Amino acid sequence: MRIGIIEDHQLVRDSFKKLLELQQEWQVIIETCTVSEAKLAVEIEQPDIFIVDISMHEGETGLAFLSYLNSYYPEIKTIVASMHDYEPYVSNALRLGALGYVSKRSASEELIDAVKSVALGKRYISEDVNFALNTQS
């Protein structure tokens, strides 16, 4: 499986890559820290799944990138990995085409489970996010 990551924190991006590439036949083919870099990269090579952070320190947000992918590359499945595990972030991301949403407070296994589920076309919401949503209701 070919994976892209857009995350503006180098340490988080590196950690995601190492974790994902522990899985047999998974390869991170795109690593970017801005939406503009991610747009350029995806024009050259399209991953099967893109893991997207919502908050970017520079330029457009991850939500703008979700919208872009949904419009131009709908075959690329997306998972949001964010510290924003509450509304309206979750519903906005899902509305813009994300199939998965994982809180950065989740265990590493949650990201692996999300990628496996989303690769099969199934929606995946991490336990932390579900809990946060249920307590807000």
N, C-alpha and C. Protein backbone atom coordinates (compact mmCIF):
# COMPACT_ATOMS: atom_id res chain seq x y z
N MET A 1 0.84 -1.17 0.00
CA MET A 1 0.00 0.00 0.00
C MET A 1 0.89 1.24 0.00
N ARG A 2 0.50 2.19 -0.80
CA ARG A 2 1.27 3.43 -0.94
C ARG A 2 0.54 4.54 -0.18
N ILE A 3 1.30 5.24 0.69
CA ILE A 3 0.70 6.19 1.63
C ILE A 3 1.37 7.56 1.49
N GLY A 4 0.56 8.61 1.62
CA GLY A 4 1.05 9.97 1.69
C GLY A 4 0.76 10.54 3.06
N ILE A 5 1.60 11.46 3.50
CA ILE A 5 1.42 12.11 4.80
C ILE A 5 1.60 13.61 4.60
N ILE A 6 0.64 14.39 5.07
CA ILE A 6 0.80 15.84 5.16
C ILE A 6 0.67 16.20 6.64
N GLU A 7 1.78 16.67 7.19
CA GLU A 7 1.88 16.96 8.63
C GLU A 7 2.99 17.99 8.80
N ASP A 8 2.69 19.10 9.46
CA ASP A 8 3.68 20.16 9.54
C ASP A 8 4.70 20.00 10.66
N HIS A 9 4.55 19.00 11.50
CA HIS A 9 5.54 18.74 12.55
C HIS A 9 6.42 17.57 12.13
N GLN A 10 7.71 17.84 11.96
CA GLN A 10 8.66 16.85 11.47
C GLN A 10 8.69 15.59 12.34
N LEU A 11 8.69 15.75 13.65
CA LEU A 11 8.75 14.61 14.56
C LEU A 11 7.53 13.70 14.37
N VAL A 12 6.35 14.30 14.26
CA VAL A 12 5.12 13.52 14.07
C VAL A 12 5.17 12.82 12.71
N ARG A 13 5.56 13.55 11.69
CA ARG A 13 5.64 12.97 10.34
C ARG A 13 6.60 11.78 10.32
N ASP A 14 7.78 11.95 10.91
CA ASP A 14 8.75 10.85 10.97
C ASP A 14 8.21 9.66 11.75
N SER A 15 7.52 9.93 12.84
CA SER A 15 6.95 8.85 13.66
C SER A 15 5.88 8.09 12.90
N PHE A 16 5.00 8.83 12.21
CA PHE A 16 3.97 8.17 11.40
C PHE A 16 4.62 7.28 10.35
N LYS A 17 5.63 7.80 9.66
CA LYS A 17 6.29 7.04 8.60
C LYS A 17 6.89 5.75 9.15
N LYS A 18 7.62 5.85 10.25
CA LYS A 18 8.25 4.66 10.83
C LYS A 18 7.20 3.64 11.25
N LEU A 19 6.14 4.11 11.87
CA LEU A 19 5.07 3.21 12.32
C LEU A 19 4.41 2.52 11.12
N LEU A 20 4.06 3.28 10.11
CA LEU A 20 3.38 2.72 8.95
C LEU A 20 4.25 1.75 8.18
N GLU A 21 5.54 2.06 8.05
CA GLU A 21 6.41 1.20 7.27
C GLU A 21 6.85 -0.07 8.01
N LEU A 22 6.43 -0.22 9.27
CA LEU A 22 6.61 -1.49 9.97
C LEU A 22 5.67 -2.55 9.41
N GLN A 23 4.60 -2.11 8.77
CA GLN A 23 3.63 -3.03 8.17
C GLN A 23 4.19 -3.54 6.84
N GLN A 24 4.05 -4.82 6.64
CA GLN A 24 4.58 -5.42 5.41
C GLN A 24 3.88 -4.83 4.19
N GLU A 25 4.68 -4.45 3.21
CA GLU A 25 4.22 -3.93 1.92
C GLU A 25 3.54 -2.55 2.01
N TRP A 26 3.77 -1.81 3.09
CA TRP A 26 3.30 -0.43 3.18
C TRP A 26 4.50 0.47 2.97
N GLN A 27 4.31 1.49 2.14
CA GLN A 27 5.40 2.42 1.85
C GLN A 27 4.87 3.84 1.85
N VAL A 28 5.54 4.73 2.57
CA VAL A 28 5.20 6.15 2.53
C VAL A 28 5.92 6.74 1.33
N ILE A 29 5.14 7.20 0.34
CA ILE A 29 5.72 7.71 -0.90
C ILE A 29 5.70 9.24 -0.97
N ILE A 30 4.88 9.87 -0.11
CA ILE A 30 4.82 11.33 -0.07
C ILE A 30 4.86 11.77 1.38
N GLU A 31 5.75 12.71 1.69
CA GLU A 31 5.82 13.34 3.01
C GLU A 31 5.93 14.84 2.78
N THR A 32 4.95 15.60 3.22
CA THR A 32 5.00 17.05 3.04
C THR A 32 4.58 17.75 4.32
N CYS A 33 4.94 19.03 4.38
CA CYS A 33 4.57 19.81 5.57
C CYS A 33 3.63 20.97 5.22
N THR A 34 3.29 21.14 3.94
CA THR A 34 2.33 22.18 3.54
C THR A 34 1.38 21.62 2.50
N VAL A 35 0.24 22.27 2.37
CA VAL A 35 -0.76 21.87 1.38
C VAL A 35 -0.21 22.08 -0.03
N SER A 36 0.48 23.18 -0.25
CA SER A 36 1.01 23.44 -1.59
C SER A 36 2.01 22.35 -2.01
N GLU A 37 2.88 21.90 -1.10
CA GLU A 37 3.80 20.81 -1.39
C GLU A 37 3.04 19.52 -1.70
N ALA A 38 2.00 19.27 -0.92
CA ALA A 38 1.21 18.04 -1.10
C ALA A 38 0.51 18.04 -2.46
N LYS A 39 -0.01 19.18 -2.87
CA LYS A 39 -0.67 19.27 -4.17
C LYS A 39 0.32 18.98 -5.30
N LEU A 40 1.51 19.53 -5.20
CA LEU A 40 2.54 19.27 -6.21
C LEU A 40 2.93 17.79 -6.24
N ALA A 41 3.11 17.21 -5.07
CA ALA A 41 3.52 15.81 -4.97
C ALA A 41 2.47 14.87 -5.54
N VAL A 42 1.21 15.14 -5.27
CA VAL A 42 0.15 14.23 -5.71
C VAL A 42 -0.08 14.32 -7.22
N GLU A 43 0.36 15.41 -7.83
CA GLU A 43 0.29 15.49 -9.30
C GLU A 43 1.28 14.53 -9.95
N ILE A 44 2.37 14.23 -9.25
CA ILE A 44 3.41 13.35 -9.77
C ILE A 44 3.11 11.88 -9.47
N GLU A 45 2.69 11.63 -8.25
CA GLU A 45 2.47 10.25 -7.80
C GLU A 45 1.31 10.21 -6.82
N GLN A 46 0.34 9.34 -7.08
CA GLN A 46 -0.84 9.26 -6.22
C GLN A 46 -0.75 8.05 -5.28
N PRO A 47 -0.82 8.32 -3.99
CA PRO A 47 -0.86 7.21 -3.02
C PRO A 47 -2.26 6.59 -2.99
N ASP A 48 -2.37 5.45 -2.34
CA ASP A 48 -3.67 4.83 -2.14
C ASP A 48 -4.42 5.56 -1.03
N ILE A 49 -3.66 5.96 -0.01
CA ILE A 49 -4.23 6.63 1.17
C ILE A 49 -3.38 7.84 1.52
N PHE A 50 -4.04 8.92 1.92
CA PHE A 50 -3.33 10.11 2.37
C PHE A 50 -3.75 10.38 3.81
N ILE A 51 -2.77 10.53 4.71
CA ILE A 51 -3.03 10.89 6.10
C ILE A 51 -2.81 12.39 6.21
N VAL A 52 -3.84 13.08 6.70
CA VAL A 52 -3.88 14.54 6.64
C VAL A 52 -4.04 15.14 8.04
N ASP A 53 -3.18 16.08 8.35
CA ASP A 53 -3.34 16.89 9.57
C ASP A 53 -4.22 18.09 9.20
N ILE A 54 -5.06 18.54 10.10
CA ILE A 54 -5.94 19.68 9.80
C ILE A 54 -5.21 21.00 9.96
N SER A 55 -4.48 21.16 11.05
CA SER A 55 -3.84 22.44 11.36
C SER A 55 -2.47 22.53 10.73
N MET A 56 -2.29 23.52 9.90
CA MET A 56 -0.99 23.78 9.27
C MET A 56 -0.54 25.17 9.71
N HIS A 57 0.73 25.32 9.99
CA HIS A 57 1.24 26.61 10.43
C HIS A 57 1.37 27.60 9.28
N GLU A 58 1.53 27.08 8.07
CA GLU A 58 1.71 27.95 6.92
C GLU A 58 0.69 27.62 5.85
N GLY A 59 0.06 28.64 5.27
CA GLY A 59 -0.82 28.44 4.13
C GLY A 59 -2.15 27.81 4.46
N GLU A 60 -2.64 27.00 3.52
CA GLU A 60 -3.95 26.38 3.62
C GLU A 60 -3.99 25.31 4.71
N THR A 61 -5.21 24.97 5.14
CA THR A 61 -5.40 23.94 6.15
C THR A 61 -5.54 22.57 5.50
N GLY A 62 -5.49 21.56 6.34
CA GLY A 62 -5.72 20.21 5.88
C GLY A 62 -7.12 20.02 5.31
N LEU A 63 -8.09 20.79 5.80
CA LEU A 63 -9.45 20.71 5.25
C LEU A 63 -9.46 21.15 3.79
N ALA A 64 -8.68 22.18 3.47
CA ALA A 64 -8.58 22.62 2.07
C ALA A 64 -7.98 21.51 1.22
N PHE A 65 -7.01 20.77 1.76
CA PHE A 65 -6.40 19.67 1.02
C PHE A 65 -7.39 18.53 0.83
N LEU A 66 -8.20 18.24 1.84
CA LEU A 66 -9.25 17.22 1.70
C LEU A 66 -10.19 17.58 0.56
N SER A 67 -10.59 18.84 0.52
CA SER A 67 -11.49 19.31 -0.54
C SER A 67 -10.83 19.15 -1.91
N TYR A 68 -9.56 19.52 -2.00
CA TYR A 68 -8.80 19.38 -3.25
C TYR A 68 -8.76 17.93 -3.70
N LEU A 69 -8.38 17.02 -2.80
CA LEU A 69 -8.31 15.60 -3.16
C LEU A 69 -9.67 15.07 -3.57
N ASN A 70 -10.70 15.44 -2.84
CA ASN A 70 -12.05 14.97 -3.14
C ASN A 70 -12.49 15.42 -4.53
N SER A 71 -12.07 16.62 -4.94
CA SER A 71 -12.44 17.16 -6.25
C SER A 71 -11.62 16.57 -7.39
N TYR A 72 -10.29 16.47 -7.19
CA TYR A 72 -9.40 16.09 -8.29
C TYR A 72 -8.90 14.65 -8.26
N TYR A 73 -8.86 14.05 -7.08
CA TYR A 73 -8.36 12.68 -6.93
C TYR A 73 -9.27 11.89 -6.00
N PRO A 74 -10.54 11.72 -6.37
CA PRO A 74 -11.48 11.05 -5.45
C PRO A 74 -11.14 9.60 -5.14
N GLU A 75 -10.28 8.99 -5.96
CA GLU A 75 -9.88 7.61 -5.71
C GLU A 75 -8.89 7.49 -4.56
N ILE A 76 -8.25 8.59 -4.16
CA ILE A 76 -7.33 8.57 -3.02
C ILE A 76 -8.15 8.65 -1.73
N LYS A 77 -8.04 7.65 -0.91
CA LYS A 77 -8.77 7.62 0.36
C LYS A 77 -8.01 8.46 1.39
N THR A 78 -8.74 9.11 2.28
CA THR A 78 -8.08 10.00 3.24
C THR A 78 -8.47 9.67 4.69
N ILE A 79 -7.48 9.89 5.55
CA ILE A 79 -7.64 9.76 7.00
C ILE A 79 -7.12 11.04 7.62
N VAL A 80 -7.89 11.64 8.51
CA VAL A 80 -7.42 12.80 9.26
C VAL A 80 -6.79 12.29 10.55
N ALA A 81 -5.60 12.77 10.86
CA ALA A 81 -4.94 12.52 12.14
C ALA A 81 -4.73 13.89 12.76
N SER A 82 -5.49 14.19 13.80
CA SER A 82 -5.50 15.55 14.32
C SER A 82 -5.63 15.59 15.83
N MET A 83 -5.16 16.70 16.41
CA MET A 83 -5.40 16.93 17.84
C MET A 83 -6.81 17.47 18.06
N HIS A 84 -7.47 17.91 16.98
CA HIS A 84 -8.84 18.43 17.04
C HIS A 84 -9.82 17.27 16.92
N ASP A 85 -10.18 16.68 18.05
CA ASP A 85 -11.04 15.49 18.02
C ASP A 85 -12.48 15.83 18.44
N TYR A 86 -12.95 17.00 18.02
CA TYR A 86 -14.28 17.46 18.39
C TYR A 86 -14.90 18.22 17.22
N GLU A 87 -16.17 18.53 17.39
CA GLU A 87 -16.90 19.26 16.35
C GLU A 87 -16.49 20.72 16.33
N PRO A 88 -16.53 21.38 15.20
CA PRO A 88 -17.02 20.92 13.89
C PRO A 88 -15.95 20.26 13.04
N TYR A 89 -14.74 20.06 13.58
CA TYR A 89 -13.65 19.49 12.79
C TYR A 89 -13.99 18.12 12.21
N VAL A 90 -14.53 17.25 13.04
CA VAL A 90 -14.80 15.88 12.59
C VAL A 90 -15.82 15.88 11.46
N SER A 91 -16.96 16.51 11.67
CA SER A 91 -18.00 16.49 10.63
C SER A 91 -17.55 17.20 9.36
N ASN A 92 -16.78 18.28 9.49
CA ASN A 92 -16.26 18.96 8.30
C ASN A 92 -15.33 18.05 7.50
N ALA A 93 -14.46 17.34 8.20
CA ALA A 93 -13.53 16.44 7.52
C ALA A 93 -14.28 15.31 6.81
N LEU A 94 -15.26 14.74 7.48
CA LEU A 94 -16.03 13.65 6.88
C LEU A 94 -16.84 14.17 5.68
N ARG A 95 -17.39 15.36 5.79
CA ARG A 95 -18.14 15.97 4.70
C ARG A 95 -17.25 16.22 3.48
N LEU A 96 -15.98 16.52 3.73
CA LEU A 96 -15.02 16.78 2.65
C LEU A 96 -14.37 15.51 2.10
N GLY A 97 -14.85 14.37 2.53
CA GLY A 97 -14.40 13.11 1.93
C GLY A 97 -13.52 12.20 2.76
N ALA A 98 -13.12 12.63 3.95
CA ALA A 98 -12.29 11.75 4.79
C ALA A 98 -13.09 10.50 5.17
N LEU A 99 -12.47 9.35 5.04
CA LEU A 99 -13.10 8.10 5.47
C LEU A 99 -12.71 7.76 6.90
N GLY A 100 -11.60 8.31 7.36
CA GLY A 100 -11.14 8.02 8.70
C GLY A 100 -10.80 9.27 9.47
N TYR A 101 -10.89 9.18 10.79
CA TYR A 101 -10.53 10.30 11.67
C TYR A 101 -9.93 9.71 12.92
N VAL A 102 -8.66 10.05 13.17
CA VAL A 102 -7.93 9.51 14.32
C VAL A 102 -7.39 10.68 15.14
N SER A 103 -7.61 10.62 16.44
CA SER A 103 -7.04 11.61 17.34
C SER A 103 -5.55 11.32 17.51
N LYS A 104 -4.75 12.37 17.57
CA LYS A 104 -3.31 12.18 17.81
C LYS A 104 -3.05 11.68 19.23
N ARG A 105 -4.06 11.71 20.07
CA ARG A 105 -3.93 11.16 21.42
C ARG A 105 -4.15 9.65 21.44
N SER A 106 -4.56 9.09 20.32
CA SER A 106 -4.84 7.66 20.22
C SER A 106 -3.56 6.84 20.27
N ALA A 107 -3.73 5.58 20.55
CA ALA A 107 -2.60 4.64 20.51
C ALA A 107 -2.19 4.43 19.06
N SER A 108 -0.95 4.05 18.87
CA SER A 108 -0.41 3.82 17.52
C SER A 108 -1.24 2.82 16.73
N GLU A 109 -1.76 1.82 17.42
CA GLU A 109 -2.55 0.78 16.74
C GLU A 109 -3.78 1.38 16.07
N GLU A 110 -4.30 2.48 16.61
CA GLU A 110 -5.48 3.11 16.01
C GLU A 110 -5.18 3.60 14.60
N LEU A 111 -4.01 4.15 14.37
CA LEU A 111 -3.65 4.62 13.03
C LEU A 111 -3.53 3.44 12.07
N ILE A 112 -2.92 2.37 12.54
CA ILE A 112 -2.80 1.15 11.71
C ILE A 112 -4.19 0.61 11.38
N ASP A 113 -5.06 0.51 12.38
CA ASP A 113 -6.42 0.03 12.16
C ASP A 113 -7.18 0.93 11.20
N ALA A 114 -6.97 2.23 11.32
CA ALA A 114 -7.65 3.19 10.43
C ALA A 114 -7.22 2.96 8.99
N VAL A 115 -5.92 2.81 8.76
CA VAL A 115 -5.42 2.59 7.40
C VAL A 115 -5.99 1.29 6.83
N LYS A 116 -5.99 0.23 7.62
CA LYS A 116 -6.53 -1.05 7.15
C LYS A 116 -8.01 -0.94 6.79
N SER A 117 -8.79 -0.28 7.64
CA SER A 117 -10.23 -0.13 7.39
C SER A 117 -10.50 0.74 6.17
N VAL A 118 -9.84 1.88 6.11
CA VAL A 118 -10.06 2.82 5.01
C VAL A 118 -9.61 2.20 3.69
N ALA A 119 -8.56 1.40 3.70
CA ALA A 119 -8.09 0.73 2.48
C ALA A 119 -9.19 -0.18 1.91
N LEU A 120 -10.02 -0.70 2.79
CA LEU A 120 -11.15 -1.55 2.38
C LEU A 120 -12.40 -0.75 2.05
N GLY A 121 -12.30 0.57 2.15
CA GLY A 121 -13.44 1.43 1.85
C GLY A 121 -14.38 1.63 3.02
N LYS A 122 -13.95 1.24 4.21
CA LYS A 122 -14.79 1.37 5.42
C LYS A 122 -14.43 2.65 6.16
N ARG A 123 -15.39 3.23 6.82
CA ARG A 123 -15.16 4.41 7.66
C ARG A 123 -14.52 3.97 8.97
N TYR A 124 -13.61 4.79 9.50
CA TYR A 124 -12.96 4.49 10.77
C TYR A 124 -12.86 5.77 11.60
N ILE A 125 -13.44 5.74 12.78
CA ILE A 125 -13.34 6.85 13.74
C ILE A 125 -12.72 6.28 15.00
N SER A 126 -11.59 6.86 15.44
CA SER A 126 -10.90 6.31 16.61
C SER A 126 -11.76 6.42 17.86
N GLU A 127 -11.45 5.58 18.83
CA GLU A 127 -12.22 5.55 20.08
C GLU A 127 -12.21 6.91 20.77
N ASP A 128 -11.05 7.58 20.77
CA ASP A 128 -10.95 8.90 21.41
C ASP A 128 -11.92 9.90 20.78
N VAL A 129 -12.00 9.87 19.45
CA VAL A 129 -12.88 10.80 18.74
C VAL A 129 -14.33 10.45 19.01
N ASN A 130 -14.67 9.18 18.94
CA ASN A 130 -16.06 8.75 19.25
C ASN A 130 -16.46 9.18 20.65
N PHE A 131 -15.56 9.00 21.61
CA PHE A 131 -15.85 9.39 22.99
C PHE A 131 -16.09 10.89 23.09
N ALA A 132 -15.21 11.66 22.44
CA ALA A 132 -15.35 13.13 22.47
C ALA A 132 -16.65 13.57 21.85
N LEU A 133 -17.04 12.95 20.73
CA LEU A 133 -18.28 13.31 20.06
C LEU A 133 -19.50 12.96 20.91
N ASN A 134 -19.44 11.79 21.56
CA ASN A 134 -20.57 11.36 22.38
C ASN A 134 -20.75 12.20 23.63
N THR A 135 -19.65 12.73 24.17
CA THR A 135 -19.76 13.55 25.38
C THR A 135 -20.18 14.99 25.05
N GLN A 136 -20.06 15.39 23.78
CA GLN A 136 -20.48 16.73 23.38
C GLN A 136 -21.97 16.79 23.11
N SER A 137 -22.57 15.64 22.83
CA SER A 137 -24.00 15.61 22.47
C SER A 137 -24.89 15.97 23.63
